[in-house]
């Protein structure tokens, strides 16, 4: 199910709408370490700066998902199973790119 646009954004699913209203930026209070923040088509983000290096982080909302790949998936590696449900009880910030050497 998709909803119509929100402030000019592309169509968002009910999941994305929930994420936009439940993340730490929804109340206008970014983390104290954030030097810049915002939202884009992928959701909320914050960044911090150390010297000339800036690192962007993405909000990972609490929820449930299935981790691992099915036994019959083409190209599956031995360590990609078994499939199991994972529940994140609280959200967290995650680097959206690998850590840069400058950090």
N, C-alpha and C. Protein backbone atom coordinates (compact mmCIF):
# COMPACT_ATOMS: atom_id res chain seq x y z
N UNK A 1 0.84 -1.16 0.00
CA UNK A 1 0.00 0.00 0.00
C UNK A 1 0.90 1.24 0.00
N UNK A 2 0.57 2.22 -0.81
CA UNK A 2 1.33 3.46 -0.85
C UNK A 2 0.41 4.65 -0.56
N UNK A 3 1.00 5.66 0.00
CA UNK A 3 0.27 6.89 0.27
C UNK A 3 0.71 7.94 -0.74
N UNK A 4 -0.07 8.95 -0.91
CA UNK A 4 0.30 10.04 -1.82
C UNK A 4 1.46 10.84 -1.26
N UNK A 5 1.96 11.74 -2.03
CA UNK A 5 3.18 12.45 -1.67
C UNK A 5 3.02 13.26 -0.38
N UNK A 6 4.13 13.40 0.31
CA UNK A 6 4.21 14.18 1.53
C UNK A 6 5.25 15.26 1.28
N UNK A 7 4.84 16.50 1.24
CA UNK A 7 5.74 17.63 1.03
C UNK A 7 6.62 17.43 -0.21
N UNK A 8 6.03 16.92 -1.28
CA UNK A 8 6.76 16.76 -2.52
C UNK A 8 7.62 15.51 -2.61
N UNK A 9 7.59 14.66 -1.58
CA UNK A 9 8.38 13.44 -1.62
C UNK A 9 7.71 12.44 -2.56
N UNK A 10 8.47 11.45 -3.04
CA UNK A 10 7.83 10.39 -3.81
C UNK A 10 6.85 9.62 -2.93
N UNK A 11 6.06 8.76 -3.54
CA UNK A 11 5.10 7.98 -2.76
C UNK A 11 5.82 7.19 -1.69
N UNK A 12 5.24 7.14 -0.49
CA UNK A 12 5.85 6.45 0.63
C UNK A 12 4.93 5.35 1.12
N UNK A 13 5.53 4.23 1.52
CA UNK A 13 4.74 3.13 2.06
C UNK A 13 4.33 3.46 3.49
N UNK A 14 3.40 2.68 4.03
CA UNK A 14 2.97 2.86 5.41
C UNK A 14 4.17 2.69 6.34
N UNK A 15 5.07 1.73 6.02
CA UNK A 15 6.27 1.52 6.83
C UNK A 15 7.11 2.79 6.87
N UNK A 16 7.34 3.41 5.70
CA UNK A 16 8.15 4.62 5.66
C UNK A 16 7.47 5.77 6.40
N UNK A 17 6.15 5.87 6.31
CA UNK A 17 5.44 6.92 7.02
C UNK A 17 5.63 6.74 8.53
N UNK A 18 5.55 5.50 9.02
CA UNK A 18 5.76 5.24 10.44
C UNK A 18 7.18 5.61 10.85
N UNK A 19 8.15 5.28 10.00
CA UNK A 19 9.54 5.59 10.30
C UNK A 19 9.75 7.09 10.39
N UNK A 20 9.11 7.84 9.51
CA UNK A 20 9.29 9.29 9.49
C UNK A 20 8.73 9.97 10.73
N UNK A 21 7.73 9.37 11.34
CA UNK A 21 7.13 9.99 12.51
C UNK A 21 7.65 9.42 13.82
N UNK A 22 8.47 8.35 13.77
CA UNK A 22 8.93 7.74 15.01
C UNK A 22 10.43 7.88 15.23
N UNK A 23 11.14 8.48 14.31
CA UNK A 23 12.59 8.61 14.46
C UNK A 23 12.94 9.83 15.30
N UNK A 24 14.18 9.90 15.78
CA UNK A 24 14.57 11.01 16.67
C UNK A 24 14.46 12.41 16.07
N UNK A 25 14.49 12.55 14.77
CA UNK A 25 14.39 13.88 14.17
C UNK A 25 12.95 14.36 14.08
N UNK A 26 11.98 13.45 14.25
CA UNK A 26 10.57 13.80 14.10
C UNK A 26 10.14 14.89 15.08
N UNK A 27 10.77 14.92 16.25
CA UNK A 27 10.41 15.94 17.24
C UNK A 27 11.31 17.17 17.16
N UNK A 28 12.14 17.23 16.12
CA UNK A 28 12.99 18.40 15.91
C UNK A 28 14.25 18.43 16.76
N UNK A 29 14.59 17.29 17.37
CA UNK A 29 15.77 17.22 18.24
C UNK A 29 16.78 16.22 17.70
N UNK A 30 17.74 16.67 16.90
CA UNK A 30 18.77 15.76 16.40
C UNK A 30 19.71 15.34 17.54
N UNK A 31 20.46 14.26 17.35
CA UNK A 31 21.44 13.87 18.37
C UNK A 31 22.45 15.00 18.61
N UNK A 32 23.00 15.08 19.79
CA UNK A 32 23.94 16.16 20.13
C UNK A 32 25.21 16.09 19.28
N UNK A 33 25.56 14.91 18.76
CA UNK A 33 26.78 14.77 17.96
C UNK A 33 26.58 15.20 16.51
N UNK A 34 25.35 15.43 16.08
CA UNK A 34 25.06 15.73 14.68
C UNK A 34 25.42 17.17 14.32
N UNK A 35 26.17 17.33 13.23
CA UNK A 35 26.49 18.67 12.75
C UNK A 35 25.50 19.11 11.68
N UNK A 36 24.93 18.16 10.94
CA UNK A 36 23.87 18.42 9.97
C UNK A 36 22.92 17.24 10.00
N UNK A 37 21.69 17.45 9.54
CA UNK A 37 20.69 16.39 9.53
C UNK A 37 19.60 16.73 8.53
N UNK A 38 18.81 15.71 8.22
CA UNK A 38 17.71 15.91 7.30
C UNK A 38 17.02 14.61 6.98
N UNK A 39 16.19 14.66 5.96
CA UNK A 39 15.48 13.48 5.46
C UNK A 39 15.54 13.52 3.95
N UNK A 40 15.63 12.35 3.34
CA UNK A 40 15.57 12.25 1.89
C UNK A 40 14.71 11.05 1.54
N UNK A 41 14.76 10.61 0.30
CA UNK A 41 13.90 9.51 -0.13
C UNK A 41 14.19 8.20 0.61
N UNK A 42 15.33 8.10 1.27
CA UNK A 42 15.68 6.89 2.02
C UNK A 42 15.36 6.99 3.50
N UNK A 43 14.99 8.17 3.96
CA UNK A 43 14.64 8.36 5.35
C UNK A 43 15.54 9.35 6.06
N UNK A 44 15.48 9.36 7.39
CA UNK A 44 16.25 10.32 8.18
C UNK A 44 17.75 10.03 8.14
N UNK A 45 18.53 11.10 8.20
CA UNK A 45 19.98 10.97 8.26
C UNK A 45 20.56 12.09 9.12
N UNK A 46 21.73 11.84 9.67
CA UNK A 46 22.51 12.83 10.41
C UNK A 46 23.96 12.64 9.99
N UNK A 47 24.76 13.65 10.18
CA UNK A 47 26.18 13.54 9.90
C UNK A 47 26.96 14.23 11.00
N UNK A 48 28.18 13.76 11.20
CA UNK A 48 29.09 14.42 12.13
C UNK A 48 30.39 14.68 11.40
N UNK A 49 31.16 15.60 11.92
CA UNK A 49 32.41 16.01 11.29
C UNK A 49 33.55 15.88 12.29
N UNK A 50 34.66 15.30 11.82
CA UNK A 50 35.91 15.25 12.57
C UNK A 50 36.97 15.82 11.64
N UNK A 51 37.45 16.98 11.94
CA UNK A 51 38.39 17.66 11.04
C UNK A 51 37.71 17.91 9.70
N UNK A 52 38.33 17.47 8.64
CA UNK A 52 37.77 17.63 7.29
C UNK A 52 36.85 16.48 6.89
N UNK A 53 36.82 15.42 7.69
CA UNK A 53 36.03 14.24 7.35
C UNK A 53 34.61 14.35 7.89
N UNK A 54 33.65 14.02 7.04
CA UNK A 54 32.25 14.00 7.46
C UNK A 54 31.71 12.61 7.23
N UNK A 55 30.95 12.11 8.19
CA UNK A 55 30.34 10.78 8.07
C UNK A 55 28.84 10.90 8.25
N UNK A 56 28.10 10.38 7.27
CA UNK A 56 26.64 10.38 7.34
C UNK A 56 26.18 9.07 7.96
N UNK A 57 25.11 9.18 8.75
CA UNK A 57 24.52 8.01 9.39
C UNK A 57 23.03 7.97 9.07
N UNK A 58 22.48 6.78 9.01
CA UNK A 58 21.07 6.56 8.72
C UNK A 58 20.37 5.98 9.94
N UNK A 59 19.11 6.40 10.12
CA UNK A 59 18.30 5.89 11.22
C UNK A 59 17.76 4.52 10.84
N UNK A 60 18.01 3.52 11.71
CA UNK A 60 17.46 2.18 11.55
C UNK A 60 16.35 2.06 12.59
N UNK A 61 15.13 1.98 12.11
CA UNK A 61 13.96 1.97 12.99
C UNK A 61 13.79 0.60 13.66
N UNK A 62 13.20 0.58 14.85
CA UNK A 62 12.89 -0.70 15.47
C UNK A 62 11.87 -1.45 14.63
N UNK A 63 11.90 -2.75 14.72
CA UNK A 63 10.95 -3.57 13.96
C UNK A 63 11.46 -4.99 13.83
N UNK A 64 10.82 -5.74 12.95
CA UNK A 64 11.16 -7.15 12.72
C UNK A 64 11.50 -7.37 11.25
N UNK A 65 12.41 -8.28 11.00
CA UNK A 65 12.73 -8.67 9.63
C UNK A 65 13.30 -10.08 9.64
N UNK A 66 13.33 -10.71 8.47
CA UNK A 66 13.90 -12.04 8.33
C UNK A 66 15.33 -11.90 7.86
N UNK A 67 16.26 -12.49 8.62
CA UNK A 67 17.68 -12.45 8.28
C UNK A 67 18.08 -13.79 7.69
N UNK A 68 18.94 -13.75 6.70
CA UNK A 68 19.43 -14.97 6.07
C UNK A 68 18.75 -15.19 4.73
N UNK A 69 19.31 -16.09 3.95
CA UNK A 69 18.72 -16.38 2.65
C UNK A 69 18.14 -17.79 2.64
N UNK A 70 17.14 -18.02 1.79
CA UNK A 70 16.53 -19.35 1.71
C UNK A 70 17.55 -20.39 1.25
N UNK A 71 17.36 -21.62 1.70
CA UNK A 71 18.28 -22.70 1.33
C UNK A 71 18.41 -22.88 -0.17
N UNK A 72 17.35 -22.61 -0.93
CA UNK A 72 17.36 -22.85 -2.38
C UNK A 72 17.73 -21.61 -3.20
N UNK A 73 18.19 -20.53 -2.56
CA UNK A 73 18.54 -19.32 -3.29
C UNK A 73 19.81 -19.54 -4.11
N UNK A 74 19.74 -19.16 -5.37
CA UNK A 74 20.89 -19.30 -6.25
C UNK A 74 22.03 -18.41 -5.76
N UNK A 75 23.24 -18.97 -5.71
CA UNK A 75 24.41 -18.22 -5.28
C UNK A 75 24.55 -18.10 -3.76
N UNK A 76 23.70 -18.81 -3.02
CA UNK A 76 23.73 -18.73 -1.55
C UNK A 76 25.02 -19.32 -1.01
N UNK A 77 25.61 -18.64 -0.04
CA UNK A 77 26.80 -19.13 0.63
C UNK A 77 26.41 -19.88 1.89
N UNK A 78 27.25 -20.76 2.35
CA UNK A 78 26.97 -21.58 3.53
C UNK A 78 26.62 -20.75 4.76
N UNK A 79 27.30 -19.62 4.95
CA UNK A 79 27.08 -18.81 6.14
C UNK A 79 25.89 -17.88 6.08
N UNK A 80 25.03 -18.00 5.07
CA UNK A 80 23.88 -17.10 4.91
C UNK A 80 22.60 -17.67 5.49
N UNK A 81 22.69 -18.64 6.32
CA UNK A 81 21.50 -19.23 6.90
C UNK A 81 21.82 -19.77 8.28
N UNK A 82 20.84 -20.32 8.94
CA UNK A 82 19.46 -20.46 8.48
C UNK A 82 18.70 -19.14 8.59
N UNK A 83 17.60 -19.07 7.85
CA UNK A 83 16.75 -17.89 7.97
C UNK A 83 16.13 -17.85 9.36
N UNK A 84 16.04 -16.65 9.92
CA UNK A 84 15.42 -16.49 11.23
C UNK A 84 14.92 -15.06 11.38
N UNK A 85 13.90 -14.90 12.21
CA UNK A 85 13.35 -13.57 12.43
C UNK A 85 14.20 -12.83 13.46
N UNK A 86 14.43 -11.57 13.19
CA UNK A 86 15.18 -10.70 14.10
C UNK A 86 14.26 -9.56 14.52
N UNK A 87 14.28 -9.23 15.79
CA UNK A 87 13.50 -8.10 16.27
C UNK A 87 14.45 -7.05 16.85
N UNK A 88 14.37 -5.84 16.32
CA UNK A 88 15.10 -4.71 16.87
C UNK A 88 14.15 -3.99 17.82
N UNK A 89 14.47 -3.97 19.09
CA UNK A 89 13.57 -3.38 20.08
C UNK A 89 13.71 -1.87 20.18
N UNK A 90 14.82 -1.35 19.68
CA UNK A 90 14.98 0.11 19.65
C UNK A 90 15.76 0.49 18.41
N UNK A 91 15.53 1.70 17.94
CA UNK A 91 16.22 2.18 16.76
C UNK A 91 17.65 2.58 17.07
N UNK A 92 18.45 2.75 16.01
CA UNK A 92 19.84 3.15 16.18
C UNK A 92 20.35 3.82 14.91
N UNK A 93 21.47 4.53 15.02
CA UNK A 93 22.11 5.18 13.88
C UNK A 93 23.21 4.27 13.36
N UNK A 94 23.31 4.15 12.03
CA UNK A 94 24.29 3.27 11.38
C UNK A 94 25.00 4.04 10.28
N UNK A 95 26.33 3.92 10.18
CA UNK A 95 27.06 4.54 9.07
C UNK A 95 26.41 4.13 7.77
N UNK A 96 26.23 5.04 6.82
CA UNK A 96 25.64 4.66 5.54
C UNK A 96 26.69 4.36 4.48
N UNK A 97 27.97 4.50 4.83
CA UNK A 97 29.09 4.10 3.98
C UNK A 97 30.15 3.49 4.88
N UNK A 98 31.11 2.79 4.31
CA UNK A 98 32.22 2.29 5.15
C UNK A 98 32.95 3.44 5.84
N UNK A 99 33.60 3.15 6.94
CA UNK A 99 34.36 4.15 7.67
C UNK A 99 35.54 4.60 6.79
N UNK A 100 35.70 5.90 6.69
CA UNK A 100 36.79 6.46 5.87
C UNK A 100 38.08 6.52 6.68
N UNK A 101 39.19 6.39 6.01
CA UNK A 101 40.48 6.42 6.68
C UNK A 101 40.67 7.73 7.44
N UNK A 102 40.16 8.82 6.93
CA UNK A 102 40.31 10.12 7.58
C UNK A 102 39.68 10.14 8.97
N UNK A 103 38.66 9.31 9.21
CA UNK A 103 38.03 9.26 10.54
C UNK A 103 38.91 8.53 11.51
